[in-house]
Amino acid sequence: MHKDDLRDILRDNRFKFVVINKKFKGVLCDVKDDFVILIDCCKILQIHIDQIESIERRAEGCPDRRDRDRDRDRDRDRDRDDDRDKDHRDTEEE
């Protein structure tokens, strides 16, 4: 891939959450001539453009895995609470 093409792809993904080289993740904040700047929480990462082999970005509208896991845990907790309430009602009736 030509270096200018890579810069264009990087610029198109500015201000989006990306994973670079399946290792560095964060919001792509800036694209300079020789490096990019990613921000991950309180970390600022500078990655030289020559080191970039892959760029991953989640498709628009695709749910974040953390959201899906949180929803699953919430549903599991709700089911457990419902079972506990049902068991409590059953023992009161006896």
C-alpha atoms as a PDB file:
ATOM      1  CA  MET A   1       0.000   0.000   0.000  1.00  0.00           C
ATOM      2  CA  HIS A   2       1.260   3.459  -0.882  1.00  0.00           C
ATOM      3  CA  LYS A   3       2.110   5.685   2.094  1.00  0.00           C
ATOM      4  CA  ASP A   4      -0.272   8.454   0.927  1.00  0.00           C
ATOM      5  CA  ASP A   5      -3.142   5.938   0.625  1.00  0.00           C
ATOM      6  CA  LEU A   6      -2.511   4.821   4.189  1.00  0.00           C
ATOM      7  CA  ARG A   7      -2.546   8.436   5.387  1.00  0.00           C
ATOM      8  CA  ASP A   8      -5.886   8.973   3.611  1.00  0.00           C
ATOM      9  CA  ILE A   9      -7.360   5.912   5.335  1.00  0.00           C
ATOM     10  CA  LEU A  10      -6.018   7.119   8.667  1.00  0.00           C
ATOM     11  CA  ARG A  11      -7.422  10.623   8.145  1.00  0.00           C
ATOM     12  CA  ASP A  12     -10.828   9.130   7.284  1.00  0.00           C
ATOM     13  CA  ASN A  13     -10.778   7.400  10.677  1.00  0.00           C
ATOM     14  CA  ARG A  14      -9.846  10.430  12.768  1.00  0.00           C
ATOM     15  CA  PHE A  15     -11.849  10.762  15.985  1.00  0.00           C
ATOM     16  CA  LYS A  16     -12.931   7.118  15.770  1.00  0.00           C
ATOM     17  CA  PHE A  17     -11.971   4.207  17.992  1.00  0.00           C
ATOM     18  CA  VAL A  18      -9.465   2.031  16.130  1.00  0.00           C
ATOM     19  CA  VAL A  19      -7.069  -0.829  16.766  1.00  0.00           C
ATOM     20  CA  ILE A  20      -3.708  -0.547  15.036  1.00  0.00           C
ATOM     21  CA  ASN A  21      -1.605  -3.660  14.411  1.00  0.00           C
ATOM     22  CA  LYS A  22      -4.021  -5.655  16.614  1.00  0.00           C
ATOM     23  CA  LYS A  23      -2.146  -4.204  19.572  1.00  0.00           C
ATOM     24  CA  PHE A  24      -2.684  -0.474  20.029  1.00  0.00           C
ATOM     25  CA  LYS A  25      -6.219   0.723  20.623  1.00  0.00           C
ATOM     26  CA  GLY A  26      -7.732   4.119  21.210  1.00  0.00           C
ATOM     27  CA  VAL A  27      -9.267   7.135  19.540  1.00  0.00           C
ATOM     28  CA  LEU A  28      -7.261   8.222  16.522  1.00  0.00           C
ATOM     29  CA  CYS A  29      -6.751  11.915  17.257  1.00  0.00           C
ATOM     30  CA  ASP A  30      -4.256  13.139  14.706  1.00  0.00           C
ATOM     31  CA  VAL A  31      -2.344  12.060  11.621  1.00  0.00           C
ATOM     32  CA  LYS A  32       1.039  13.728  11.141  1.00  0.00           C
ATOM     33  CA  ASP A  33       3.509  13.241   8.298  1.00  0.00           C
ATOM     34  CA  ASP A  34       5.388  10.426  10.030  1.00  0.00           C
ATOM     35  CA  PHE A  35       3.198   9.256  12.919  1.00  0.00           C
ATOM     36  CA  VAL A  36      -0.319   9.041  14.305  1.00  0.00           C
ATOM     37  CA  ILE A  37      -1.578   9.892  17.774  1.00  0.00           C
ATOM     38  CA  LEU A  38      -3.952   7.560  19.612  1.00  0.00           C
ATOM     39  CA  ILE A  39      -5.529   8.335  22.966  1.00  0.00           C
ATOM     40  CA  ASP A  40      -6.531   5.411  25.185  1.00  0.00           C
ATOM     41  CA  CYS A  41      -7.956   6.644  28.499  1.00  0.00           C
ATOM     42  CA  CYS A  42      -5.037   8.566  29.991  1.00  0.00           C
ATOM     43  CA  LYS A  43      -2.384   7.207  27.612  1.00  0.00           C
ATOM     44  CA  ILE A  44      -1.165   9.108  24.566  1.00  0.00           C
ATOM     45  CA  LEU A  45       0.398   6.804  21.973  1.00  0.00           C
ATOM     46  CA  GLN A  46       2.500   7.898  19.013  1.00  0.00           C
ATOM     47  CA  ILE A  47       2.867   5.249  16.332  1.00  0.00           C
ATOM     48  CA  HIS A  48       5.183   5.713  13.379  1.00  0.00           C
ATOM     49  CA  ILE A  49       3.296   5.315  10.095  1.00  0.00           C
ATOM     50  CA  ASP A  50       5.941   2.923   8.731  1.00  0.00           C
ATOM     51  CA  GLN A  51       5.104   0.525  11.593  1.00  0.00           C
ATOM     52  CA  ILE A  52       1.374   0.367  10.778  1.00  0.00           C
ATOM     53  CA  GLU A  53       0.392  -2.955   9.229  1.00  0.00           C
ATOM     54  CA  SER A  54      -3.340  -3.076   9.985  1.00  0.00           C
ATOM     55  CA  ILE A  55      -6.176  -0.803  11.078  1.00  0.00           C
ATOM     56  CA  GLU A  56      -9.388  -2.161  12.562  1.00  0.00           C
ATOM     57  CA  ARG A  57     -12.567  -0.242  13.222  1.00  0.00           C
ATOM     58  CA  ARG A  58     -15.957  -1.482  14.363  1.00  0.00           C
ATOM     59  CA  ALA A  59     -18.688  -1.258  11.742  1.00  0.00           C
ATOM     60  CA  GLU A  60     -21.240   1.518  12.197  1.00  0.00           C
ATOM     61  CA  GLY A  61     -24.134   0.401  14.386  1.00  0.00           C
ATOM     62  CA  CYS A  62     -22.280  -2.639  15.684  1.00  0.00           C
ATOM     63  CA  PRO A  63     -22.721  -2.911  19.452  1.00  0.00           C
ATOM     64  CA  ASP A  64     -19.700  -2.733  21.677  1.00  0.00           C
ATOM     65  CA  ARG A  65     -18.875  -6.123  23.189  1.00  0.00           C
ATOM     66  CA  ARG A  66     -18.727  -4.534  26.643  1.00  0.00           C
ATOM     67  CA  ASP A  67     -22.333  -3.329  26.187  1.00  0.00           C
ATOM     68  CA  ARG A  68     -23.404  -6.819  25.150  1.00  0.00           C
ATOM     69  CA  ASP A  69     -21.610  -8.396  28.124  1.00  0.00           C
ATOM     70  CA  ARG A  70     -23.120  -5.864  30.523  1.00  0.00           C
ATOM     71  CA  ASP A  71     -26.626  -6.574  29.172  1.00  0.00           C
ATOM     72  CA  ARG A  72     -26.043 -10.327  29.525  1.00  0.00           C
ATOM     73  CA  ASP A  73     -24.863  -9.921  33.125  1.00  0.00           C
ATOM     74  CA  ARG A  74     -27.836  -7.698  33.960  1.00  0.00           C
ATOM     75  CA  ASP A  75     -30.274 -10.250  32.510  1.00  0.00           C
ATOM     76  CA  ARG A  76     -28.579 -13.076  34.414  1.00  0.00           C
ATOM     77  CA  ASP A  77     -28.790 -11.102  37.682  1.00  0.00           C
ATOM     78  CA  ARG A  78     -32.453 -10.295  37.043  1.00  0.00           C
ATOM     79  CA  ASP A  79     -33.240 -13.981  36.394  1.00  0.00           C
ATOM     80  CA  ARG A  80     -31.421 -14.994  39.571  1.00  0.00           C
ATOM     81  CA  ASP A  81     -33.367 -12.388  41.589  1.00  0.00           C
ATOM     82  CA  ASP A  82     -36.656 -13.594  40.063  1.00  0.00           C
ATOM     83  CA  ASP A  83     -35.816 -17.202  40.999  1.00  0.00           C
ATOM     84  CA  ARG A  84     -34.921 -16.149  44.539  1.00  0.00           C
ATOM     85  CA  ASP A  85     -38.214 -14.221  44.886  1.00  0.00           C
ATOM     86  CA  LYS A  86     -40.169 -17.213  43.564  1.00  0.00           C
ATOM     87  CA  ASP A  87     -38.448 -19.567  46.027  1.00  0.00           C
ATOM     88  CA  HIS A  88     -39.207 -17.145  48.857  1.00  0.00           C
ATOM     89  CA  ARG A  89     -42.906 -16.975  47.883  1.00  0.00           C
ATOM     90  CA  ASP A  90     -43.093 -20.775  47.644  1.00  0.00           C
ATOM     91  CA  THR A  91     -41.732 -21.222  51.179  1.00  0.00           C
ATOM     92  CA  GLU A  92     -44.183 -18.629  52.544  1.00  0.00           C
ATOM     93  CA  GLU A  93     -47.128 -20.518  51.033  1.00  0.00           C
ATOM     94  CA  GLU A  94     -46.141 -23.783  52.753  1.00  0.00           C
END
